[in-house]
């Protein structure tokens, strides 16, 4: 996967800001004893947090569309789409997407601090 370019100020703001109710994303965190626990996410940071759980479940296509349309980050969405195609298992796809989104979040936090 290609290295992500530094995001613009506008993209940093969109990534670090919560979305509206109608733009939320839903997934599940699987627990050994209680089973799937629904997770509603209103921010990019919350999605990254879910993906760092031991057994996250999220619709990868829905996530790619959310990143492309709601967050408006076509570069990241393209790389997520590539990770979906190349992954041999959901676990491999999850790890690739988690790493991509985690890298983008780090970039945004770093640039936000530098501009503060």
PDB file of N, CA and C in Angstrom:
ATOM      1  N   UNK A   1       0.830  -1.178   0.000  1.00  0.00           N
ATOM      2  CA  UNK A   1       0.000   0.000   0.000  1.00  0.00           C
ATOM      3  C   UNK A   1       0.877   1.244   0.000  1.00  0.00           C
ATOM      4  N   UNK A   2       0.385   2.224  -0.715  1.00  0.00           N
ATOM      5  CA  UNK A   2       1.117   3.473  -0.818  1.00  0.00           C
ATOM      6  C   UNK A   2       1.003   4.281   0.465  1.00  0.00           C
ATOM      7  N   UNK A   3       2.016   5.102   0.698  1.00  0.00           N
ATOM      8  CA  UNK A   3       1.980   5.998   1.854  1.00  0.00           C
ATOM      9  C   UNK A   3       0.946   7.085   1.586  1.00  0.00           C
ATOM     10  N   UNK A   4       0.171   7.401   2.605  1.00  0.00           N
ATOM     11  CA  UNK A   4      -0.838   8.450   2.479  1.00  0.00           C
ATOM     12  C   UNK A   4      -0.171   9.822   2.477  1.00  0.00           C
ATOM     13  N   UNK A   5      -0.618  10.688   1.570  1.00  0.00           N
ATOM     14  CA  UNK A   5      -0.125  12.066   1.537  1.00  0.00           C
ATOM     15  C   UNK A   5      -0.655  12.800   2.757  1.00  0.00           C
ATOM     16  N   UNK A   6       0.043  13.855   3.155  1.00  0.00           N
ATOM     17  CA  UNK A   6      -0.449  14.671   4.267  1.00  0.00           C
ATOM     18  C   UNK A   6      -1.793  15.271   3.890  1.00  0.00           C
ATOM     19  N   UNK A   7      -2.748  15.242   4.815  1.00  0.00           N
ATOM     20  CA  UNK A   7      -4.082  15.777   4.526  1.00  0.00           C
ATOM     21  C   UNK A   7      -4.094  17.305   4.551  1.00  0.00           C
ATOM     22  N   UNK A   8      -5.088  17.865   3.870  1.00  0.00           N
ATOM     23  CA  UNK A   8      -5.281  19.314   3.881  1.00  0.00           C
ATOM     24  C   UNK A   8      -5.880  19.728   5.227  1.00  0.00           C
ATOM     25  N   UNK A   9      -5.880  21.024   5.493  1.00  0.00           N
ATOM     26  CA  UNK A   9      -6.482  21.528   6.740  1.00  0.00           C
ATOM     27  C   UNK A   9      -7.966  21.174   6.820  1.00  0.00           C
ATOM     28  N   UNK A  10      -8.637  21.267   5.669  1.00  0.00           N
ATOM     29  CA  UNK A  10     -10.065  20.948   5.629  1.00  0.00           C
ATOM     30  C   UNK A  10     -10.307  19.479   5.976  1.00  0.00           C
ATOM     31  N   UNK A  11      -9.465  18.598   5.437  1.00  0.00           N
ATOM     32  CA  UNK A  11      -9.606  17.171   5.719  1.00  0.00           C
ATOM     33  C   UNK A  11      -9.289  16.881   7.182  1.00  0.00           C
ATOM     34  N   UNK A  12      -8.276  17.519   7.720  1.00  0.00           N
ATOM     35  CA  UNK A  12      -7.944  17.354   9.141  1.00  0.00           C
ATOM     36  C   UNK A  12      -9.162  17.703   9.989  1.00  0.00           C
ATOM     37  N   UNK A  13      -9.807  18.806   9.670  1.00  0.00           N
ATOM     38  CA  UNK A  13     -10.989  19.229  10.435  1.00  0.00           C
ATOM     39  C   UNK A  13     -12.110  18.203  10.325  1.00  0.00           C
ATOM     40  N   UNK A  14     -12.370  17.691   9.109  1.00  0.00           N
ATOM     41  CA  UNK A  14     -13.438  16.707   8.933  1.00  0.00           C
ATOM     42  C   UNK A  14     -13.137  15.416   9.692  1.00  0.00           C
ATOM     43  N   UNK A  15     -11.888  14.992   9.687  1.00  0.00           N
ATOM     44  CA  UNK A  15     -11.518  13.743  10.359  1.00  0.00           C
ATOM     45  C   UNK A  15     -11.592  13.884  11.873  1.00  0.00           C
ATOM     46  N   UNK A  16     -11.282  15.052  12.395  1.00  0.00           N
ATOM     47  CA  UNK A  16     -11.274  15.245  13.845  1.00  0.00           C
ATOM     48  C   UNK A  16     -12.605  15.726  14.414  1.00  0.00           C
ATOM     49  N   UNK A  17     -13.625  15.865  13.560  1.00  0.00           N
ATOM     50  CA  UNK A  17     -14.936  16.337  13.978  1.00  0.00           C
ATOM     51  C   UNK A  17     -15.958  15.203  13.897  1.00  0.00           C
ATOM     52  N   UNK A  18     -16.884  15.180  14.849  1.00  0.00           N
ATOM     53  CA  UNK A  18     -17.956  14.177  14.810  1.00  0.00           C
ATOM     54  C   UNK A  18     -18.905  14.471  13.657  1.00  0.00           C
ATOM     55  N   UNK A  19     -19.524  13.402  13.147  1.00  0.00           N
ATOM     56  CA  UNK A  19     -20.506  13.537  12.077  1.00  0.00           C
ATOM     57  C   UNK A  19     -21.910  13.646  12.688  1.00  0.00           C
ATOM     58  N   UNK A  20     -22.863  14.047  11.881  1.00  0.00           N
ATOM     59  CA  UNK A  20     -24.251  14.129  12.323  1.00  0.00           C
ATOM     60  C   UNK A  20     -24.835  12.730  12.501  1.00  0.00           C
ATOM     61  N   UNK A  21     -25.974  12.679  13.185  1.00  0.00           N
ATOM     62  CA  UNK A  21     -26.654  11.416  13.470  1.00  0.00           C
ATOM     63  C   UNK A  21     -26.882  10.594  12.201  1.00  0.00           C
ATOM     64  N   UNK A  22     -27.361  11.247  11.136  1.00  0.00           N
ATOM     65  CA  UNK A  22     -27.678  10.505   9.911  1.00  0.00           C
ATOM     66  C   UNK A  22     -26.433   9.995   9.185  1.00  0.00           C
ATOM     67  N   UNK A  23     -25.266  10.491   9.544  1.00  0.00           N
ATOM     68  CA  UNK A  23     -24.019  10.051   8.917  1.00  0.00           C
ATOM     69  C   UNK A  23     -23.224   9.084   9.789  1.00  0.00           C
ATOM     70  N   UNK A  24     -23.819   8.642  10.883  1.00  0.00           N
ATOM     71  CA  UNK A  24     -23.126   7.722  11.797  1.00  0.00           C
ATOM     72  C   UNK A  24     -22.831   6.396  11.088  1.00  0.00           C
ATOM     73  N   UNK A  25     -21.924   5.648  11.669  1.00  0.00           N
ATOM     74  CA  UNK A  25     -21.537   4.342  11.154  1.00  0.00           C
ATOM     75  C   UNK A  25     -21.783   3.327  12.260  1.00  0.00           C
ATOM     76  N   UNK A  26     -22.233   2.147  11.891  1.00  0.00           N
ATOM     77  CA  UNK A  26     -22.524   1.127  12.895  1.00  0.00           C
ATOM     78  C   UNK A  26     -21.698  -0.122  12.641  1.00  0.00           C
ATOM     79  N   UNK A  27     -21.313  -0.760  13.727  1.00  0.00           N
ATOM     80  CA  UNK A  27     -20.552  -1.991  13.663  1.00  0.00           C
ATOM     81  C   UNK A  27     -20.812  -2.803  14.910  1.00  0.00           C
ATOM     82  N   UNK A  28     -19.984  -3.809  15.131  1.00  0.00           N
ATOM     83  CA  UNK A  28     -20.127  -4.673  16.294  1.00  0.00           C
ATOM     84  C   UNK A  28     -18.766  -5.002  16.861  1.00  0.00           C
ATOM     85  N   UNK A  29     -18.737  -5.188  18.151  1.00  0.00           N
ATOM     86  CA  UNK A  29     -17.557  -5.689  18.829  1.00  0.00           C
ATOM     87  C   UNK A  29     -17.962  -7.040  19.419  1.00  0.00           C
ATOM     88  N   UNK A  30     -17.291  -8.089  19.004  1.00  0.00           N
ATOM     89  CA  UNK A  30     -17.627  -9.420  19.506  1.00  0.00           C
ATOM     90  C   UNK A  30     -16.963  -9.656  20.855  1.00  0.00           C
ATOM     91  N   UNK A  31     -17.730 -10.155  21.787  1.00  0.00           N
ATOM     92  CA  UNK A  31     -17.247 -10.469  23.130  1.00  0.00           C
ATOM     93  C   UNK A  31     -17.399 -11.963  23.363  1.00  0.00           C
ATOM     94  N   UNK A  32     -16.447 -12.535  24.070  1.00  0.00           N
ATOM     95  CA  UNK A  32     -16.455 -13.980  24.293  1.00  0.00           C
ATOM     96  C   UNK A  32     -17.704 -14.457  25.009  1.00  0.00           C
ATOM     97  N   UNK A  33     -18.126 -13.784  26.028  1.00  0.00           N
ATOM     98  CA  UNK A  33     -19.260 -14.252  26.829  1.00  0.00           C
ATOM     99  C   UNK A  33     -20.600 -13.652  26.402  1.00  0.00           C
ATOM    100  N   UNK A  34     -20.586 -12.399  25.992  1.00  0.00           N
ATOM    101  CA  UNK A  34     -21.860 -11.739  25.694  1.00  0.00           C
ATOM    102  C   UNK A  34     -22.196 -11.701  24.206  1.00  0.00           C
ATOM    103  N   UNK A  35     -21.269 -12.095  23.344  1.00  0.00           N
ATOM    104  CA  UNK A  35     -21.530 -12.083  21.906  1.00  0.00           C
ATOM    105  C   UNK A  35     -21.361 -10.707  21.297  1.00  0.00           C
ATOM    106  N   UNK A  36     -22.060 -10.463  20.191  1.00  0.00           N
ATOM    107  CA  UNK A  36     -21.886  -9.179  19.505  1.00  0.00           C
ATOM    108  C   UNK A  36     -22.531  -8.017  20.268  1.00  0.00           C
ATOM    109  N   UNK A  37     -21.760  -6.962  20.434  1.00  0.00           N
ATOM    110  CA  UNK A  37     -22.243  -5.739  21.081  1.00  0.00           C
ATOM    111  C   UNK A  37     -22.268  -4.641  20.009  1.00  0.00           C
ATOM    112  N   UNK A  38     -23.445  -4.065  19.744  1.00  0.00           N
ATOM    113  CA  UNK A  38     -23.523  -3.004  18.737  1.00  0.00           C
ATOM    114  C   UNK A  38     -22.708  -1.776  19.154  1.00  0.00           C
ATOM    115  N   UNK A  39     -22.073  -1.163  18.161  1.00  0.00           N
ATOM    116  CA  UNK A  39     -21.281   0.039  18.384  1.00  0.00           C
ATOM    117  C   UNK A  39     -21.716   1.077  17.350  1.00  0.00           C
ATOM    118  N   UNK A  40     -22.122   2.235  17.824  1.00  0.00           N
ATOM    119  CA  UNK A  40     -22.478   3.342  16.940  1.00  0.00           C
ATOM    120  C   UNK A  40     -21.352   4.358  16.998  1.00  0.00           C
ATOM    121  N   UNK A  41     -20.862   4.740  15.818  1.00  0.00           N
ATOM    122  CA  UNK A  41     -19.700   5.619  15.748  1.00  0.00           C
ATOM    123  C   UNK A  41     -20.045   6.926  15.034  1.00  0.00           C
ATOM    124  N   UNK A  42     -19.643   8.014  15.668  1.00  0.00           N
ATOM    125  CA  UNK A  42     -19.899   9.346  15.140  1.00  0.00           C
ATOM    126  C   UNK A  42     -18.613  10.059  14.732  1.00  0.00           C
ATOM    127  N   UNK A  43     -17.485   9.377  14.848  1.00  0.00           N
ATOM    128  CA  UNK A  43     -16.228  10.026  14.491  1.00  0.00           C
ATOM    129  C   UNK A  43     -15.245   9.015  13.917  1.00  0.00           C
ATOM    130  N   UNK A  44     -14.317   9.533  13.179  1.00  0.00           N
ATOM    131  CA  UNK A  44     -13.235   8.747  12.597  1.00  0.00           C
ATOM    132  C   UNK A  44     -12.467   8.038  13.713  1.00  0.00           C
ATOM    133  N   UNK A  45     -12.222   8.770  14.792  1.00  0.00           N
ATOM    134  CA  UNK A  45     -11.482   8.235  15.942  1.00  0.00           C
ATOM    135  C   UNK A  45     -12.199   7.012  16.527  1.00  0.00           C
ATOM    136  N   UNK A  46     -13.521   7.065  16.607  1.00  0.00           N
ATOM    137  CA  UNK A  46     -14.290   5.930  17.138  1.00  0.00           C
ATOM    138  C   UNK A  46     -14.193   4.712  16.225  1.00  0.00           C
ATOM    139  N   UNK A  47     -14.129   4.931  14.923  1.00  0.00           N
ATOM    140  CA  UNK A  47     -13.977   3.815  13.984  1.00  0.00           C
ATOM    141  C   UNK A  47     -12.611   3.160  14.184  1.00  0.00           C
ATOM    142  N   UNK A  48     -11.579   3.975  14.302  1.00  0.00           N
ATOM    143  CA  UNK A  48     -10.228   3.437  14.541  1.00  0.00           C
ATOM    144  C   UNK A  48     -10.209   2.656  15.851  1.00  0.00           C
ATOM    145  N   UNK A  49     -10.869   3.178  16.859  1.00  0.00           N
ATOM    146  CA  UNK A  49     -10.934   2.500  18.160  1.00  0.00           C
ATOM    147  C   UNK A  49     -11.613   1.137  18.030  1.00  0.00           C
ATOM    148  N   UNK A  50     -12.719   1.068  17.296  1.00  0.00           N
ATOM    149  CA  UNK A  50     -13.387  -0.223  17.088  1.00  0.00           C
ATOM    150  C   UNK A  50     -12.456  -1.199  16.373  1.00  0.00           C
ATOM    151  N   UNK A  51     -11.759  -0.724  15.352  1.00  0.00           N
ATOM    152  CA  UNK A  51     -10.879  -1.601  14.582  1.00  0.00           C
ATOM    153  C   UNK A  51      -9.701  -2.118  15.402  1.00  0.00           C
ATOM    154  N   UNK A  52      -9.406  -1.480  16.523  1.00  0.00           N
ATOM    155  CA  UNK A  52      -8.326  -1.937  17.400  1.00  0.00           C
ATOM    156  C   UNK A  52      -8.804  -2.972  18.413  1.00  0.00           C
ATOM    157  N   UNK A  53     -10.114  -3.200  18.478  1.00  0.00           N
ATOM    158  CA  UNK A  53     -10.667  -4.223  19.376  1.00  0.00           C
ATOM    159  C   UNK A  53     -10.202  -5.607  18.904  1.00  0.00           C
ATOM    160  N   UNK A  54     -10.242  -6.610  19.783  1.00  0.00           N
ATOM    161  CA  UNK A  54      -9.816  -7.955  19.374  1.00  0.00           C
ATOM    162  C   UNK A  54     -10.665  -8.559  18.254  1.00  0.00           C
ATOM    163  N   UNK A  55     -11.985  -8.341  18.289  1.00  0.00           N
ATOM    164  CA  UNK A  55     -12.872  -8.951  17.282  1.00  0.00           C
ATOM    165  C   UNK A  55     -13.880  -7.938  16.750  1.00  0.00           C
ATOM    166  N   UNK A  56     -13.403  -6.945  16.003  1.00  0.00           N
ATOM    167  CA  UNK A  56     -14.335  -5.957  15.463  1.00  0.00           C
ATOM    168  C   UNK A  56     -15.074  -6.512  14.249  1.00  0.00           C
ATOM    169  N   UNK A  57     -16.297  -6.051  14.057  1.00  0.00           N
ATOM    170  CA  UNK A  57     -17.069  -6.421  12.874  1.00  0.00           C
ATOM    171  C   UNK A  57     -17.667  -5.148  12.298  1.00  0.00           C
ATOM    172  N   UNK A  58     -17.352  -4.909  11.029  1.00  0.00           N
ATOM    173  CA  UNK A  58     -17.849  -3.727  10.341  1.00  0.00           C
ATOM    174  C   UNK A  58     -17.973  -4.078   8.868  1.00  0.00           C
ATOM    175  N   UNK A  59     -18.936  -3.513   8.207  1.00  0.00           N
ATOM    176  CA  UNK A  59     -19.113  -3.727   6.772  1.00  0.00           C
ATOM    177  C   UNK A  59     -18.039  -2.899   6.059  1.00  0.00           C
ATOM    178  N   UNK A  60     -17.080  -3.578   5.446  1.00  0.00           N
ATOM    179  CA  UNK A  60     -15.946  -2.890   4.824  1.00  0.00           C
ATOM    180  C   UNK A  60     -16.379  -1.978   3.672  1.00  0.00           C
ATOM    181  N   UNK A  61     -17.339  -2.423   2.885  1.00  0.00           N
ATOM    182  CA  UNK A  61     -17.813  -1.605   1.763  1.00  0.00           C
ATOM    183  C   UNK A  61     -18.501  -0.347   2.289  1.00  0.00           C
ATOM    184  N   UNK A  62     -19.321  -0.507   3.312  1.00  0.00           N
ATOM    185  CA  UNK A  62     -19.988   0.645   3.932  1.00  0.00           C
ATOM    186  C   UNK A  62     -18.952   1.613   4.508  1.00  0.00           C
ATOM    187  N   UNK A  63     -17.896   1.068   5.116  1.00  0.00           N
ATOM    188  CA  UNK A  63     -16.826   1.898   5.665  1.00  0.00           C
ATOM    189  C   UNK A  63     -16.121   2.675   4.555  1.00  0.00           C
ATOM    190  N   UNK A  64     -15.820   2.005   3.457  1.00  0.00           N
ATOM    191  CA  UNK A  64     -15.148   2.660   2.330  1.00  0.00           C
ATOM    192  C   UNK A  64     -16.020   3.793   1.785  1.00  0.00           C
ATOM    193  N   UNK A  65     -17.311   3.560   1.656  1.00  0.00           N
ATOM    194  CA  UNK A  65     -18.239   4.591   1.177  1.00  0.00           C
ATOM    195  C   UNK A  65     -18.320   5.743   2.183  1.00  0.00           C
ATOM    196  N   UNK A  66     -18.346   5.427   3.482  1.00  0.00           N
ATOM    197  CA  UNK A  66     -18.391   6.447   4.528  1.00  0.00           C
ATOM    198  C   UNK A  66     -17.152   7.345   4.460  1.00  0.00           C
ATOM    199  N   UNK A  67     -15.994   6.730   4.290  1.00  0.00           N
ATOM    200  CA  UNK A  67     -14.744   7.511   4.195  1.00  0.00           C
ATOM    201  C   UNK A  67     -14.757   8.364   2.927  1.00  0.00           C
ATOM    202  N   UNK A  68     -15.255   7.804   1.841  1.00  0.00           N
ATOM    203  CA  UNK A  68     -15.276   8.531   0.565  1.00  0.00           C
ATOM    204  C   UNK A  68     -16.285   9.687   0.578  1.00  0.00           C
ATOM    205  N   UNK A  69     -17.491   9.437   1.050  1.00  0.00           N
ATOM    206  CA  UNK A  69     -18.560  10.437   0.926  1.00  0.00           C
ATOM    207  C   UNK A  69     -18.743  11.307   2.158  1.00  0.00           C
ATOM    208  N   UNK A  70     -18.741  10.717   3.345  1.00  0.00           N
ATOM    209  CA  UNK A  70     -18.988  11.492   4.563  1.00  0.00           C
ATOM    210  C   UNK A  70     -17.731  12.232   5.007  1.00  0.00           C
ATOM    211  N   UNK A  71     -16.619  11.504   5.081  1.00  0.00           N
ATOM    212  CA  UNK A  71     -15.357  12.128   5.498  1.00  0.00           C
ATOM    213  C   UNK A  71     -14.731  12.888   4.333  1.00  0.00           C
ATOM    214  N   UNK A  72     -15.055  12.469   3.114  1.00  0.00           N
ATOM    215  CA  UNK A  72     -14.542  13.082   1.884  1.00  0.00           C
ATOM    216  C   UNK A  72     -13.019  12.972   1.791  1.00  0.00           C
ATOM    217  N   UNK A  73     -12.544  11.724   1.937  1.00  0.00           N
ATOM    218  CA  UNK A  73     -11.116  11.425   1.810  1.00  0.00           C
ATOM    219  C   UNK A  73     -10.952  10.346   0.729  1.00  0.00           C
ATOM    220  N   UNK A  74     -10.959  10.753  -0.560  1.00  0.00           N
ATOM    221  CA  UNK A  74     -10.893   9.773  -1.639  1.00  0.00           C
ATOM    222  C   UNK A  74      -9.596   8.957  -1.653  1.00  0.00           C
ATOM    223  N   UNK A  75      -8.493   9.571  -1.254  1.00  0.00           N
ATOM    224  CA  UNK A  75      -7.222   8.844  -1.237  1.00  0.00           C
ATOM    225  C   UNK A  75      -7.297   7.665  -0.259  1.00  0.00           C
ATOM    226  N   UNK A  76      -7.767   7.924   0.944  1.00  0.00           N
ATOM    227  CA  UNK A  76      -7.893   6.861   1.940  1.00  0.00           C
ATOM    228  C   UNK A  76      -8.937   5.841   1.494  1.00  0.00           C
ATOM    229  N   UNK A  77     -10.050   6.299   0.948  1.00  0.00           N
ATOM    230  CA  UNK A  77     -11.104   5.385   0.487  1.00  0.00           C
ATOM    231  C   UNK A  77     -10.572   4.453  -0.603  1.00  0.00           C
ATOM    232  N   UNK A  78      -9.764   4.983  -1.514  1.00  0.00           N
ATOM    233  CA  UNK A  78      -9.171   4.143  -2.564  1.00  0.00           C
ATOM    234  C   UNK A  78      -8.270   3.067  -1.959  1.00  0.00           C
ATOM    235  N   UNK A  79      -7.498   3.442  -0.962  1.00  0.00           N
ATOM    236  CA  UNK A  79      -6.603   2.463  -0.325  1.00  0.00           C
ATOM    237  C   UNK A  79      -7.393   1.435   0.485  1.00  0.00           C
ATOM    238  N   UNK A  80      -8.512   1.844   1.085  1.00  0.00           N
ATOM    239  CA  UNK A  80      -9.365   0.895   1.790  1.00  0.00           C
ATOM    240  C   UNK A  80      -9.961  -0.091   0.785  1.00  0.00           C
ATOM    241  N   UNK A  81     -10.430   0.415  -0.356  1.00  0.00           N
ATOM    242  CA  UNK A  81     -10.979  -0.453  -1.402  1.00  0.00           C
ATOM    243  C   UNK A  81      -9.929  -1.452  -1.868  1.00  0.00           C
ATOM    244  N   UNK A  82      -8.700  -1.003  -2.011  1.00  0.00           N
ATOM    245  CA  UNK A  82      -7.595  -1.886  -2.409  1.00  0.00           C
ATOM    246  C   UNK A  82      -7.344  -2.955  -1.343  1.00  0.00           C
ATOM    247  N   UNK A  83      -7.381  -2.552  -0.075  1.00  0.00           N
ATOM    248  CA  UNK A  83      -7.170  -3.508   1.026  1.00  0.00           C
ATOM    249  C   UNK A  83      -8.296  -4.545   1.065  1.00  0.00           C
ATOM    250  N   UNK A  84      -9.507  -4.136   0.746  1.00  0.00           N
ATOM    251  CA  UNK A  84     -10.640  -5.066   0.720  1.00  0.00           C
ATOM    252  C   UNK A  84     -10.413  -6.121  -0.356  1.00  0.00           C
ATOM    253  N   UNK A  85      -9.959  -5.682  -1.532  1.00  0.00           N
ATOM    254  CA  UNK A  85      -9.735  -6.613  -2.647  1.00  0.00           C
ATOM    255  C   UNK A  85      -8.565  -7.555  -2.388  1.00  0.00           C
ATOM    256  N   UNK A  86      -7.496  -7.030  -1.796  1.00  0.00           N
ATOM    257  CA  UNK A  86      -6.274  -7.822  -1.617  1.00  0.00           C
ATOM    258  C   UNK A  86      -6.310  -8.743  -0.408  1.00  0.00           C
ATOM    259  N   UNK A  87      -7.143  -8.428   0.577  1.00  0.00           N
ATOM    260  CA  UNK A  87      -7.181  -9.229   1.796  1.00  0.00           C
ATOM    261  C   UNK A  87      -7.712 -10.630   1.542  1.00  0.00           C
ATOM    262  N   UNK A  88      -7.069 -11.614   2.151  1.00  0.00           N
ATOM    263  CA  UNK A  88      -7.482 -13.011   1.982  1.00  0.00           C
ATOM    264  C   UNK A  88      -8.477 -13.445   3.052  1.00  0.00           C
ATOM    265  N   UNK A  89      -8.604 -12.644   4.096  1.00  0.00           N
ATOM    266  CA  UNK A  89      -9.544 -12.960   5.175  1.00  0.00           C
ATOM    267  C   UNK A  89     -10.038 -11.642   5.770  1.00  0.00           C
ATOM    268  N   UNK A  90     -11.150 -11.712   6.504  1.00  0.00           N
ATOM    269  CA  UNK A  90     -11.651 -10.498   7.153  1.00  0.00           C
ATOM    270  C   UNK A  90     -10.655  -9.966   8.177  1.00  0.00           C
ATOM    271  N   UNK A  91      -9.941 -10.859   8.826  1.00  0.00           N
ATOM    272  CA  UNK A  91      -8.947 -10.419   9.809  1.00  0.00           C
ATOM    273  C   UNK A  91      -7.830  -9.637   9.116  1.00  0.00           C
ATOM    274  N   UNK A  92      -7.359 -10.140   7.991  1.00  0.00           N
ATOM    275  CA  UNK A  92      -6.318  -9.443   7.239  1.00  0.00           C
ATOM    276  C   UNK A  92      -6.829  -8.091   6.735  1.00  0.00           C
ATOM    277  N   UNK A  93      -8.062  -8.051   6.242  1.00  0.00           N
ATOM    278  CA  UNK A  93      -8.659  -6.793   5.775  1.00  0.00           C
ATOM    279  C   UNK A  93      -8.781  -5.808   6.938  1.00  0.00           C
ATOM    280  N   UNK A  94      -9.249  -6.305   8.074  1.00  0.00           N
ATOM    281  CA  UNK A  94      -9.406  -5.447   9.248  1.00  0.00           C
ATOM    282  C   UNK A  94      -8.079  -4.825   9.653  1.00  0.00           C
ATOM    283  N   UNK A  95      -7.031  -5.628   9.696  1.00  0.00           N
ATOM    284  CA  UNK A  95      -5.717  -5.118  10.107  1.00  0.00           C
ATOM    285  C   UNK A  95      -5.190  -4.084   9.115  1.00  0.00           C
ATOM    286  N   UNK A  96      -5.357  -4.346   7.823  1.00  0.00           N
ATOM    287  CA  UNK A  96      -4.896  -3.389   6.817  1.00  0.00           C
ATOM    288  C   UNK A  96      -5.650  -2.065   6.919  1.00  0.00           C
ATOM    289  N   UNK A  97      -6.966  -2.161   7.036  1.00  0.00           N
ATOM    290  CA  UNK A  97      -7.787  -0.946   7.132  1.00  0.00           C
ATOM    291  C   UNK A  97      -7.502  -0.210   8.427  1.00  0.00           C
ATOM    292  N   UNK A  98      -7.353  -0.949   9.521  1.00  0.00           N
ATOM    293  CA  UNK A  98      -7.029  -0.335  10.824  1.00  0.00           C
ATOM    294  C   UNK A  98      -5.718   0.442  10.718  1.00  0.00           C
ATOM    295  N   UNK A  99      -4.717  -0.152  10.073  1.00  0.00           N
ATOM    296  CA  UNK A  99      -3.420   0.512   9.940  1.00  0.00           C
ATOM    297  C   UNK A  99      -3.517   1.773   9.079  1.00  0.00           C
ATOM    298  N   UNK A 100      -4.268   1.689   7.984  1.00  0.00           N
ATOM    299  CA  UNK A 100      -4.443   2.861   7.119  1.00  0.00           C
ATOM    300  C   UNK A 100      -5.152   3.996   7.850  1.00  0.00           C
ATOM    301  N   UNK A 101      -6.256   3.653   8.499  1.00  0.00           N
ATOM    302  CA  UNK A 101      -7.029   4.685   9.197  1.00  0.00           C
ATOM    303  C   UNK A 101      -6.269   5.224  10.403  1.00  0.00           C
ATOM    304  N   UNK A 102      -5.530   4.363  11.078  1.00  0.00           N
ATOM    305  CA  UNK A 102      -4.706   4.807  12.201  1.00  0.00           C
ATOM    306  C   UNK A 102      -3.624   5.770  11.754  1.00  0.00           C
ATOM    307  N   UNK A 103      -3.020   5.485  10.602  1.00  0.00           N
ATOM    308  CA  UNK A 103      -1.998   6.384  10.056  1.00  0.00           C
ATOM    309  C   UNK A 103      -2.603   7.735   9.706  1.00  0.00           C
ATOM    310  N   UNK A 104      -3.797   7.727   9.083  1.00  0.00           N
ATOM    311  CA  UNK A 104      -4.447   8.992   8.722  1.00  0.00           C
ATOM    312  C   UNK A 104      -4.790   9.795   9.985  1.00  0.00           C
ATOM    313  N   UNK A 105      -5.261   9.115  11.014  1.00  0.00           N
ATOM    314  CA  UNK A 105      -5.599   9.803  12.265  1.00  0.00           C
ATOM    315  C   UNK A 105      -4.350  10.419  12.892  1.00  0.00           C
ATOM    316  N   UNK A 106      -3.238   9.699  12.888  1.00  0.00           N
ATOM    317  CA  UNK A 106      -1.969  10.244  13.415  1.00  0.00           C
ATOM    318  C   UNK A 106      -1.550  11.480  12.639  1.00  0.00           C
ATOM    319  N   UNK A 107      -1.642  11.417  11.313  1.00  0.00           N
ATOM    320  CA  UNK A 107      -1.293  12.569  10.490  1.00  0.00           C
ATOM    321  C   UNK A 107      -2.137  13.779  10.881  1.00  0.00           C
ATOM    322  N   UNK A 108      -3.434  13.568  11.039  1.00  0.00           N
ATOM    323  CA  UNK A 108      -4.342  14.667  11.354  1.00  0.00           C
ATOM    324  C   UNK A 108      -4.058  15.250  12.734  1.00  0.00           C
ATOM    325  N   UNK A 109      -3.812  14.395  13.703  1.00  0.00           N
ATOM    326  CA  UNK A 109      -3.500  14.882  15.051  1.00  0.00           C
ATOM    327  C   UNK A 109      -2.207  15.684  15.033  1.00  0.00           C
ATOM    328  N   UNK A 110      -1.197  15.184  14.330  1.00  0.00           N
ATOM    329  CA  UNK A 110       0.091  15.867  14.238  1.00  0.00           C
ATOM    330  C   UNK A 110      -0.066  17.240  13.580  1.00  0.00           C
ATOM    331  N   UNK A 111      -0.777  17.293  12.465  1.00  0.00           N
ATOM    332  CA  UNK A 111      -0.964  18.555  11.766  1.00  0.00           C
ATOM    333  C   UNK A 111      -1.842  19.520  12.554  1.00  0.00           C
ATOM    334  N   UNK A 112      -2.826  18.994  13.272  1.00  0.00           N
ATOM    335  CA  UNK A 112      -3.689  19.837  14.099  1.00  0.00           C
ATOM    336  C   UNK A 112      -2.892  20.480  15.228  1.00  0.00           C
ATOM    337  N   UNK A 113      -2.000  19.707  15.835  1.00  0.00           N
ATOM    338  CA  UNK A 113      -1.152  20.246  16.914  1.00  0.00           C
ATOM    339  C   UNK A 113      -0.183  21.290  16.367  1.00  0.00           C
ATOM    340  N   UNK A 114       0.362  21.040  15.173  1.00  0.00           N
ATOM    341  CA  UNK A 114       1.315  21.969  14.584  1.00  0.00           C
ATOM    342  C   UNK A 114       0.643  23.296  14.235  1.00  0.00           C
ATOM    343  N   UNK A 115      -0.651  23.239  13.894  1.00  0.00           N
ATOM    344  CA  UNK A 115      -1.381  24.454  13.517  1.00  0.00           C
ATOM    345  C   UNK A 115      -2.026  25.157  14.704  1.00  0.00           C
ATOM    346  N   UNK A 116      -1.935  24.566  15.884  1.00  0.00           N
ATOM    347  CA  UNK A 116      -2.551  25.180  17.078  1.00  0.00           C
ATOM    348  C   UNK A 116      -1.683  26.258  17.673  1.00  0.00           C
TER     349      UNK A 116
END
